[in-house]
Amino acid sequence: MKAIQEKYRKRKAVYFSLMAAMFGIIFAFRFVPHPEDNGLSPVEIFLVALLFGIVMAMHAVFRCPKCNASLVPGFFSSWRKLRCCPKCGVELTEK
């Protein structure tokens, strides 16, 4: 049980790091100069691709250590702390 909870803590830390990077990229869009022809600059295309990659990585990383089910929907749908996996019911955090 301790191994599962430790793995969950590590995955949660990576998830929050990726989330912070995502908000950093969204904030960086404000400082990118826009071309006059209303198109996308190469920097904007790179930032959008990076943003998409981070969102995909968030879904790939934040999974149940036991059954490998995605925890992202359960994390955002509950107002309380996510304590167990919605699919297999394993305890992710100590009570």
N, C-alpha and C. Protein backbone atom coordinates (compact mmCIF):
# COMPACT_ATOMS: atom_id res chain seq x y z
N MET A 1 0.83 -1.19 0.00
CA MET A 1 0.00 0.00 0.00
C MET A 1 0.88 1.26 0.00
N LYS A 2 1.95 1.25 0.77
CA LYS A 2 2.83 2.42 0.83
C LYS A 2 3.47 2.70 -0.53
N ALA A 3 3.80 1.66 -1.28
CA ALA A 3 4.41 1.84 -2.60
C ALA A 3 3.42 2.53 -3.55
N ILE A 4 2.17 2.14 -3.49
CA ILE A 4 1.14 2.76 -4.34
C ILE A 4 0.97 4.22 -3.97
N GLN A 5 0.93 4.52 -2.69
CA GLN A 5 0.75 5.90 -2.25
C GLN A 5 1.97 6.76 -2.60
N GLU A 6 3.15 6.19 -2.51
CA GLU A 6 4.37 6.93 -2.88
C GLU A 6 4.40 7.20 -4.38
N LYS A 7 4.01 6.21 -5.17
CA LYS A 7 3.96 6.39 -6.62
C LYS A 7 2.93 7.46 -6.99
N TYR A 8 1.79 7.45 -6.29
CA TYR A 8 0.76 8.46 -6.54
C TYR A 8 1.28 9.86 -6.21
N ARG A 9 2.00 10.00 -5.10
CA ARG A 9 2.56 11.32 -4.74
C ARG A 9 3.52 11.83 -5.80
N LYS A 10 4.34 10.95 -6.34
CA LYS A 10 5.29 11.35 -7.39
C LYS A 10 4.55 11.76 -8.66
N ARG A 11 3.56 10.97 -9.04
CA ARG A 11 2.79 11.30 -10.25
C ARG A 11 2.01 12.59 -10.07
N LYS A 12 1.50 12.82 -8.88
CA LYS A 12 0.77 14.06 -8.60
C LYS A 12 1.71 15.26 -8.68
N ALA A 13 2.95 15.12 -8.20
CA ALA A 13 3.92 16.21 -8.27
C ALA A 13 4.27 16.53 -9.72
N VAL A 14 4.46 15.50 -10.55
CA VAL A 14 4.73 15.72 -11.97
C VAL A 14 3.53 16.38 -12.63
N TYR A 15 2.34 15.94 -12.27
CA TYR A 15 1.11 16.51 -12.84
C TYR A 15 1.00 18.00 -12.53
N PHE A 16 1.26 18.37 -11.27
CA PHE A 16 1.19 19.78 -10.91
C PHE A 16 2.29 20.60 -11.57
N SER A 17 3.46 20.00 -11.78
CA SER A 17 4.53 20.69 -12.50
C SER A 17 4.13 20.95 -13.95
N LEU A 18 3.52 19.95 -14.57
CA LEU A 18 3.05 20.13 -15.94
C LEU A 18 1.94 21.18 -16.02
N MET A 19 1.08 21.20 -15.00
CA MET A 19 0.02 22.19 -14.97
C MET A 19 0.61 23.60 -14.84
N ALA A 20 1.63 23.76 -14.01
CA ALA A 20 2.28 25.05 -13.87
C ALA A 20 2.95 25.47 -15.18
N ALA A 21 3.56 24.51 -15.88
CA ALA A 21 4.17 24.81 -17.17
C ALA A 21 3.11 25.23 -18.19
N MET A 22 1.95 24.59 -18.14
CA MET A 22 0.86 24.94 -19.05
C MET A 22 0.41 26.38 -18.82
N PHE A 23 0.23 26.76 -17.56
CA PHE A 23 -0.16 28.14 -17.27
C PHE A 23 0.94 29.12 -17.63
N GLY A 24 2.19 28.70 -17.48
CA GLY A 24 3.30 29.55 -17.90
C GLY A 24 3.30 29.81 -19.40
N ILE A 25 2.98 28.79 -20.17
CA ILE A 25 2.91 28.95 -21.63
C ILE A 25 1.74 29.84 -22.01
N ILE A 26 0.61 29.65 -21.35
CA ILE A 26 -0.54 30.51 -21.62
C ILE A 26 -0.19 31.97 -21.30
N PHE A 27 0.54 32.18 -20.22
CA PHE A 27 0.98 33.54 -19.86
C PHE A 27 1.98 34.08 -20.89
N ALA A 28 2.81 33.20 -21.45
CA ALA A 28 3.82 33.63 -22.44
C ALA A 28 3.16 34.11 -23.73
N PHE A 29 1.96 33.63 -24.05
CA PHE A 29 1.27 34.09 -25.26
C PHE A 29 1.07 35.61 -25.25
N ARG A 30 0.95 36.17 -24.09
CA ARG A 30 0.73 37.62 -23.98
C ARG A 30 1.91 38.43 -24.50
N PHE A 31 3.10 37.87 -24.42
CA PHE A 31 4.31 38.61 -24.78
C PHE A 31 4.85 38.26 -26.16
N VAL A 32 4.17 37.37 -26.88
CA VAL A 32 4.61 37.01 -28.23
C VAL A 32 4.09 38.06 -29.20
N PRO A 33 4.97 38.64 -30.01
CA PRO A 33 4.49 39.63 -31.00
C PRO A 33 3.65 38.95 -32.09
N HIS A 34 2.54 39.55 -32.41
CA HIS A 34 1.64 38.99 -33.41
C HIS A 34 1.95 39.58 -34.78
N PRO A 35 1.91 38.75 -35.82
CA PRO A 35 2.13 39.28 -37.17
C PRO A 35 0.95 40.15 -37.60
N GLU A 36 1.21 41.06 -38.52
CA GLU A 36 0.18 42.01 -38.94
C GLU A 36 -0.87 41.39 -39.86
N ASP A 37 -0.58 40.24 -40.43
CA ASP A 37 -1.54 39.63 -41.36
C ASP A 37 -2.52 38.69 -40.66
N ASN A 38 -2.63 38.79 -39.34
CA ASN A 38 -3.54 37.99 -38.52
C ASN A 38 -3.29 36.49 -38.64
N GLY A 39 -2.11 36.09 -39.04
CA GLY A 39 -1.75 34.68 -39.08
C GLY A 39 -1.06 34.29 -37.78
N LEU A 40 -0.56 33.10 -37.76
CA LEU A 40 0.19 32.64 -36.59
C LEU A 40 1.68 32.72 -36.88
N SER A 41 2.41 33.26 -35.94
CA SER A 41 3.87 33.30 -36.09
C SER A 41 4.43 31.93 -35.75
N PRO A 42 5.65 31.64 -36.16
CA PRO A 42 6.25 30.35 -35.81
C PRO A 42 6.35 30.13 -34.30
N VAL A 43 6.56 31.18 -33.54
CA VAL A 43 6.63 31.06 -32.08
C VAL A 43 5.27 30.65 -31.53
N GLU A 44 4.20 31.23 -32.06
CA GLU A 44 2.85 30.87 -31.61
C GLU A 44 2.53 29.42 -31.96
N ILE A 45 2.91 28.98 -33.12
CA ILE A 45 2.68 27.58 -33.51
C ILE A 45 3.44 26.65 -32.57
N PHE A 46 4.68 27.02 -32.23
CA PHE A 46 5.46 26.22 -31.29
C PHE A 46 4.80 26.18 -29.92
N LEU A 47 4.30 27.31 -29.44
CA LEU A 47 3.66 27.35 -28.13
C LEU A 47 2.38 26.53 -28.10
N VAL A 48 1.61 26.58 -29.16
CA VAL A 48 0.38 25.77 -29.24
C VAL A 48 0.72 24.28 -29.25
N ALA A 49 1.73 23.91 -30.01
CA ALA A 49 2.15 22.51 -30.04
C ALA A 49 2.67 22.06 -28.67
N LEU A 50 3.42 22.93 -28.01
CA LEU A 50 3.93 22.62 -26.68
C LEU A 50 2.79 22.49 -25.68
N LEU A 51 1.81 23.36 -25.78
CA LEU A 51 0.64 23.30 -24.91
C LEU A 51 -0.12 21.99 -25.12
N PHE A 52 -0.31 21.61 -26.37
CA PHE A 52 -0.98 20.35 -26.67
C PHE A 52 -0.19 19.17 -26.12
N GLY A 53 1.13 19.21 -26.26
CA GLY A 53 1.98 18.14 -25.74
C GLY A 53 1.90 18.02 -24.23
N ILE A 54 1.83 19.16 -23.55
CA ILE A 54 1.73 19.14 -22.09
C ILE A 54 0.40 18.55 -21.65
N VAL A 55 -0.67 18.92 -22.31
CA VAL A 55 -1.99 18.36 -21.96
C VAL A 55 -1.99 16.85 -22.18
N MET A 56 -1.40 16.39 -23.25
CA MET A 56 -1.33 14.95 -23.50
C MET A 56 -0.46 14.26 -22.44
N ALA A 57 0.64 14.89 -22.05
CA ALA A 57 1.51 14.32 -21.02
C ALA A 57 0.80 14.28 -19.67
N MET A 58 -0.03 15.28 -19.39
CA MET A 58 -0.77 15.29 -18.14
C MET A 58 -1.70 14.08 -18.05
N HIS A 59 -2.35 13.76 -19.15
CA HIS A 59 -3.25 12.59 -19.16
C HIS A 59 -2.46 11.29 -19.11
N ALA A 60 -1.25 11.28 -19.66
CA ALA A 60 -0.44 10.06 -19.66
C ALA A 60 0.21 9.80 -18.31
N VAL A 61 0.54 10.86 -17.57
CA VAL A 61 1.27 10.71 -16.31
C VAL A 61 0.35 10.46 -15.14
N PHE A 62 -0.76 11.16 -15.06
CA PHE A 62 -1.60 11.12 -13.86
C PHE A 62 -2.57 9.96 -13.95
N ARG A 63 -2.07 8.77 -13.63
CA ARG A 63 -2.84 7.54 -13.69
C ARG A 63 -2.74 6.79 -12.38
N CYS A 64 -3.67 5.91 -12.16
CA CYS A 64 -3.67 5.07 -10.96
C CYS A 64 -2.46 4.15 -10.99
N PRO A 65 -1.70 4.08 -9.91
CA PRO A 65 -0.54 3.20 -9.89
C PRO A 65 -0.90 1.71 -9.96
N LYS A 66 -2.12 1.35 -9.60
CA LYS A 66 -2.50 -0.07 -9.59
C LYS A 66 -3.15 -0.51 -10.90
N CYS A 67 -4.21 0.19 -11.31
CA CYS A 67 -4.97 -0.26 -12.50
C CYS A 67 -4.68 0.57 -13.75
N ASN A 68 -3.90 1.63 -13.63
CA ASN A 68 -3.50 2.50 -14.74
C ASN A 68 -4.66 3.29 -15.35
N ALA A 69 -5.73 3.49 -14.59
CA ALA A 69 -6.86 4.30 -15.07
C ALA A 69 -6.50 5.78 -14.93
N SER A 70 -7.00 6.60 -15.83
CA SER A 70 -6.73 8.03 -15.77
C SER A 70 -7.42 8.65 -14.56
N LEU A 71 -6.67 9.46 -13.81
CA LEU A 71 -7.22 10.11 -12.62
C LEU A 71 -7.58 11.57 -12.86
N VAL A 72 -7.33 12.08 -14.04
CA VAL A 72 -7.59 13.49 -14.33
C VAL A 72 -9.08 13.83 -14.18
N PRO A 73 -10.01 13.05 -14.77
CA PRO A 73 -11.43 13.41 -14.59
C PRO A 73 -11.88 13.35 -13.14
N GLY A 74 -11.43 12.36 -12.40
CA GLY A 74 -11.80 12.25 -10.99
C GLY A 74 -11.21 13.36 -10.15
N PHE A 75 -10.03 13.81 -10.52
CA PHE A 75 -9.37 14.87 -9.77
C PHE A 75 -10.12 16.19 -9.91
N PHE A 76 -10.60 16.48 -11.11
CA PHE A 76 -11.30 17.74 -11.34
C PHE A 76 -12.78 17.68 -11.02
N SER A 77 -13.38 16.48 -11.00
CA SER A 77 -14.81 16.40 -10.72
C SER A 77 -15.12 16.41 -9.24
N SER A 78 -14.14 16.09 -8.41
CA SER A 78 -14.40 16.09 -6.96
C SER A 78 -13.91 17.39 -6.35
N TRP A 79 -14.69 17.94 -5.46
CA TRP A 79 -14.30 19.16 -4.76
C TRP A 79 -13.40 18.83 -3.57
N ARG A 80 -13.42 17.58 -3.19
CA ARG A 80 -12.58 17.17 -2.07
C ARG A 80 -11.32 16.51 -2.62
N LYS A 81 -10.45 16.14 -1.70
CA LYS A 81 -9.20 15.50 -2.08
C LYS A 81 -9.48 14.11 -2.66
N LEU A 82 -8.81 13.78 -3.73
CA LEU A 82 -8.96 12.47 -4.36
C LEU A 82 -8.23 11.44 -3.49
N ARG A 83 -8.99 10.60 -2.81
CA ARG A 83 -8.41 9.64 -1.87
C ARG A 83 -8.29 8.23 -2.44
N CYS A 84 -9.17 7.89 -3.38
CA CYS A 84 -9.10 6.54 -3.94
C CYS A 84 -9.38 6.60 -5.44
N CYS A 85 -8.93 5.56 -6.11
CA CYS A 85 -9.13 5.47 -7.56
C CYS A 85 -10.61 5.23 -7.84
N PRO A 86 -11.20 5.99 -8.77
CA PRO A 86 -12.62 5.79 -9.08
C PRO A 86 -12.90 4.44 -9.76
N LYS A 87 -11.89 3.84 -10.37
CA LYS A 87 -12.12 2.58 -11.08
C LYS A 87 -11.90 1.34 -10.20
N CYS A 88 -10.73 1.26 -9.53
CA CYS A 88 -10.42 0.04 -8.77
C CYS A 88 -10.59 0.22 -7.26
N GLY A 89 -10.68 1.45 -6.79
CA GLY A 89 -10.93 1.71 -5.38
C GLY A 89 -9.72 1.65 -4.45
N VAL A 90 -8.51 1.54 -5.01
CA VAL A 90 -7.32 1.49 -4.18
C VAL A 90 -7.11 2.85 -3.51
N GLU A 91 -6.67 2.83 -2.24
CA GLU A 91 -6.44 4.08 -1.52
C GLU A 91 -5.17 4.75 -2.03
N LEU A 92 -5.30 6.01 -2.48
CA LEU A 92 -4.17 6.75 -3.01
C LEU A 92 -3.49 7.60 -1.96
N THR A 93 -4.25 8.03 -0.96
CA THR A 93 -3.69 8.83 0.12
C THR A 93 -4.13 8.24 1.44
N GLU A 94 -3.35 8.52 2.46
CA GLU A 94 -3.72 8.07 3.80
C GLU A 94 -4.84 8.95 4.32
N LYS A 95 -5.68 8.39 5.15
CA LYS A 95 -6.81 9.15 5.71
C LYS A 95 -6.39 9.94 6.92
